Every structure is written in structure tokens, then in C-alpha cells.
Protein backbone atom coordinates (compact mmCIF):
# COMPACT_ATOMS: atom_id res chain seq x y z
CA MET A 1 -3.00 -24.23 8.17
CA ALA A 2 -2.00 -20.78 7.31
CA LYS A 3 -2.06 -19.40 3.84
CA VAL A 4 0.81 -18.16 2.23
CA VAL A 5 0.96 -14.85 0.06
CA ALA A 6 4.07 -13.96 -1.33
CA VAL A 7 4.69 -10.55 -2.37
CA ILE A 8 7.19 -10.63 -5.61
CA GLY A 9 8.86 -7.52 -7.30
CA SER A 10 11.91 -5.67 -8.01
CA LYS A 11 13.97 -3.72 -5.52
CA ASP A 12 12.22 -0.45 -4.54
CA SER A 13 8.91 -1.64 -6.22
CA GLY A 14 6.80 -1.32 -2.96
CA LYS A 15 7.08 -4.84 -1.64
CA THR A 16 7.54 -3.82 1.95
CA SER A 17 4.89 -1.15 1.77
CA THR A 18 2.76 -3.42 0.26
CA ILE A 19 2.97 -5.96 3.10
CA GLU A 20 3.16 -3.39 5.82
CA TYR A 21 -0.22 -2.02 4.46
CA LEU A 22 -1.90 -5.70 4.27
CA ILE A 23 -0.51 -6.65 7.79
CA SER A 24 -2.00 -3.43 9.52
CA ASN A 25 -5.24 -3.74 8.12
CA LEU A 26 -5.82 -7.64 8.12
CA SER A 27 -4.60 -7.55 11.77
CA LYS A 28 -7.19 -4.94 12.60
CA GLU A 29 -9.88 -7.38 11.27
CA GLY A 30 -8.51 -10.05 13.72
CA PHE A 31 -6.47 -12.10 11.38
CA ASN A 32 -3.31 -13.67 12.84
CA ILE A 33 -0.48 -12.52 10.74
CA ALA A 34 3.11 -13.63 10.34
CA SER A 35 5.85 -12.45 7.90
CA VAL A 36 9.10 -13.55 6.41
CA LYS A 37 11.63 -11.14 5.00
CA HIS A 38 14.48 -12.38 2.79
CA VAL A 39 17.72 -10.39 3.16
CA HIS A 40 19.99 -10.37 0.22
CA GLU A 41 23.34 -9.28 1.62
CA PRO A 42 25.58 -12.27 1.93
CA ASP A 43 27.21 -11.18 5.27
CA PHE A 44 24.14 -9.99 6.99
CA THR A 45 23.55 -11.09 10.61
CA ILE A 46 21.28 -10.09 13.26
CA ASP A 47 23.81 -11.08 15.62
CA VAL A 48 26.40 -8.71 17.06
CA GLU A 49 30.06 -9.48 17.36
CA GLY A 50 30.93 -9.49 21.05
CA LYS A 51 27.57 -10.24 22.54
CA ASP A 52 26.67 -13.46 24.32
CA THR A 53 24.89 -15.01 21.50
CA TRP A 54 27.78 -14.19 19.03
CA ARG A 55 29.99 -16.00 21.62
CA TYR A 56 28.01 -19.20 21.86
CA ALA A 57 27.92 -19.24 17.88
CA ARG A 58 31.63 -18.82 17.76
CA ALA A 59 31.92 -21.75 20.21
CA GLY A 60 29.97 -23.99 18.05
CA ALA A 61 26.27 -23.60 18.66
CA LYS A 62 24.17 -24.19 15.48
CA VAL A 63 20.97 -22.66 17.25
CA ILE A 64 20.53 -19.80 19.85
CA VAL A 65 17.17 -18.98 21.04
CA ILE A 66 17.17 -15.47 22.90
CA VAL A 67 14.37 -14.95 25.27
CA ALA A 68 13.33 -11.42 26.49
CA SER A 69 10.20 -10.33 27.99
CA LYS A 70 8.72 -8.93 24.87
CA GLU A 71 10.26 -11.36 21.89
CA VAL A 72 11.83 -14.62 21.16
CA VAL A 73 14.41 -14.72 18.66
CA ILE A 74 15.87 -17.87 16.92
CA ILE A 75 19.27 -17.57 15.55
CA LYS A 76 20.25 -20.75 13.23
CA LYS A 77 23.87 -20.73 12.20
CA GLY A 78 25.50 -22.25 9.22
CA VAL A 79 22.27 -22.70 7.24
CA PRO A 80 23.37 -22.77 3.61
CA GLN A 81 20.15 -23.17 1.72
CA ILE A 82 16.76 -23.23 3.94
CA LYS A 83 13.72 -24.69 2.36
CA LEU A 84 10.51 -23.07 2.52
CA GLU A 85 8.99 -25.69 4.56
CA GLU A 86 11.45 -25.44 7.05
CA ILE A 87 10.72 -21.67 7.51
CA LEU A 88 7.12 -22.22 7.56
CA LYS A 89 7.56 -24.57 10.27
CA ASN A 90 8.13 -22.01 12.73
CA PHE A 91 4.71 -21.00 12.52
CA GLU A 92 2.83 -24.31 12.99
CA ASP A 93 1.69 -23.68 16.67
CA GLU A 94 1.17 -19.86 16.45
CA GLY A 95 -2.34 -20.08 15.19
CA ILE A 96 -1.42 -18.04 12.27
CA ASP A 97 -3.99 -17.17 9.55
CA ILE A 98 -1.82 -15.68 6.85
CA ILE A 99 2.11 -15.50 6.08
CA PHE A 100 3.47 -12.80 4.06
CA ILE A 101 6.92 -13.56 2.34
CA GLU A 102 8.72 -10.71 1.19
CA GLY A 103 11.52 -12.09 -1.11
CA LEU A 104 12.44 -15.93 -1.72
CA ARG A 105 11.21 -15.51 -5.14
CA SER A 106 13.22 -18.25 -6.50
CA ILE A 107 11.12 -20.76 -4.21
CA THR A 108 7.78 -19.17 -4.45
CA ALA A 109 7.37 -17.81 -7.82
CA LYS A 110 6.64 -21.05 -9.51
CA ARG A 111 4.60 -22.76 -6.81
CA ARG A 112 0.72 -22.91 -7.53
CA ASP A 113 0.06 -23.51 -3.50
CA ILE A 114 1.17 -19.94 -2.87
CA TYR A 115 -0.71 -16.94 -3.68
CA LYS A 116 1.23 -14.03 -5.18
CA ILE A 117 0.95 -10.39 -4.93
CA VAL A 118 3.37 -8.63 -7.51
CA THR A 119 4.94 -5.29 -7.27
CA ALA A 120 6.84 -3.43 -10.09
CA LYS A 121 8.32 0.09 -10.86
CA ASP A 122 6.89 0.33 -14.54
CA GLU A 123 5.39 -1.51 -17.44
CA GLU A 124 8.74 -2.92 -18.49
CA ASP A 125 9.60 -4.13 -14.96
CA LEU A 126 6.30 -5.52 -14.68
CA GLU A 127 6.65 -7.50 -17.94
CA ARG A 128 9.87 -8.80 -16.76
CA ILE A 129 8.61 -10.13 -13.36
CA MET A 130 5.34 -11.56 -14.71
CA LYS A 131 7.34 -13.90 -16.94
CA GLY A 132 8.64 -15.99 -14.31
CA ILE A 133 5.42 -16.23 -11.94
CA THR A 134 3.02 -19.14 -11.84
CA PRO A 135 -0.57 -18.35 -10.73
CA PRO A 136 -2.36 -17.88 -8.57
CA ILE A 137 -1.62 -14.08 -8.65
CA LEU A 138 -4.06 -12.03 -6.56
CA ALA A 139 -2.93 -8.61 -7.85
CA ILE A 140 -0.52 -6.21 -8.79
CA THR A 141 0.55 -3.02 -7.06
CA GLY A 142 3.33 -0.88 -6.36
CA MET A 143 4.89 2.07 -8.24
CA VAL A 144 3.36 0.61 -11.66
CA ALA A 145 -0.28 0.87 -10.44
CA ARG A 146 0.15 4.73 -9.83
CA LEU A 147 1.08 4.71 -13.69
CA LYS A 148 -2.34 2.74 -14.63
CA PRO A 149 -0.57 0.88 -17.62
CA LYS A 150 -2.39 -0.64 -20.50
CA THR A 151 -2.29 -4.31 -20.15
CA PRO A 152 -4.92 -5.89 -22.41
CA ASN A 153 -4.10 -9.48 -21.98
CA LEU A 154 -3.58 -9.08 -18.22
CA ARG A 155 -6.81 -10.11 -16.18
CA THR A 156 -5.23 -9.67 -12.59
CA PRO A 157 -6.46 -6.39 -11.01
CA ILE A 158 -3.69 -3.51 -10.86
CA ILE A 159 -4.56 -1.81 -7.56
CA ASP A 160 -2.94 1.28 -6.27
CA LEU A 161 -2.06 0.96 -2.65
CA TYR A 162 -2.32 4.62 -1.77
CA ASP A 163 -5.72 5.32 -3.51
CA GLU A 164 -7.30 1.80 -3.62
CA GLY A 165 -5.61 -0.10 -0.83
CA SER A 166 -8.87 -1.48 0.88
CA GLU A 167 -9.65 -3.17 -2.60
CA LEU A 168 -6.32 -4.90 -2.11
CA VAL A 169 -7.29 -6.08 1.47
CA GLN A 170 -10.59 -7.21 0.28
CA VAL A 171 -9.30 -9.33 -2.83
CA VAL A 172 -6.91 -10.93 -0.18
CA LYS A 173 -9.80 -11.81 2.07
CA ASP A 174 -12.04 -13.00 -0.95
CA HIS A 175 -9.39 -15.38 -2.12
CA LEU A 176 -8.27 -16.42 1.39
CA MET A 177 -11.58 -16.51 3.49
CA GLY A 178 -12.75 -19.69 2.47
CA SER A 179 -10.05 -21.58 3.24
CA ILE A 180 -8.92 -19.84 6.59
């Protein structure tokens, strides 16, 4: 069973860079990685007007699978509120060790079965984000880590991705290795 790590933070706080760094380093060590990205734009679509898949959806297809020589894409239309379990089902038969989630804070922040990494821009941003998150929290990173904030009541390690990235990789491995 894959372990899930949600990277939670404000816009432009370092979430994508954090996940990219972890995927790059952990996959080099042999871990099979998957990722989930939540897009906030309400009218976003990967489908392109006029293309065959768009035409299938317009004709009434609810699920369209695109098969190419180097990738498979599944487009599900009309999914108003998808549940995390439904998203994770996509990875069940893929041999995945770790799934990183960027976004979906409203459905990951309070769950105790999901590990979290918090990214923040500054101390104020960090304080605001931490109020809504239930442990386990593996680390804090992002722009705030470069500022080296003084947080005496906080026991979570603050790791600067650019100077201490290997420490973040090790923290993730230490917490997940026994259960992978």
C-alpha cells in the first residue's frame, strides 16, 4: 500500500519545488513515485476544444481514455467533488511506494493517515497554515525555511530545500521506510 504525503502551503510558497525535489531524489533511490496536482482554476481542462476527446465528451462520454505510445490519460467529465479515495484508486495496481499530493488541503490537512510537509512564505504564513493541520507533519520547508524562523514551540524540523534538501529526503525515508 502506497504511503501518501500531502505538501500543504500557500500559493507560491514552494510546494511544487518541494515535490519535484523529493520525486527526483527518491526515484533515483528506486522508489516508485506518483503525484496528484489540484488545479484551482474552475474552468481548467486538459481537453482541447475541437479534438476528438473533446468531441466524445460533448457527445456525452463521461470517461475518455487516451492511449499513446508514451502515456495514458484518463479524462473524467462532470465530476463535481471527487473523493481522495477515488483519486488514490488510480494507483492501486501500479506498484507505487509514495504518492505526493499538491493541493487538496481541504481533504488532506485533518487526516491522521496522511503525512504532511508544510511550505510557507514567511512566519505569519506558517502560523496561519499550521493552525489547520493535524499531525503527522514531517517537516516545514519553502521560502520560510530560508528565513530561519524562531519557533520555540514547534518540534517539526524546518529544512531549507536548497541547502539541506538531502535532510528532507532522509526525513521522508525515515518516516516511510518501515511501512513501505
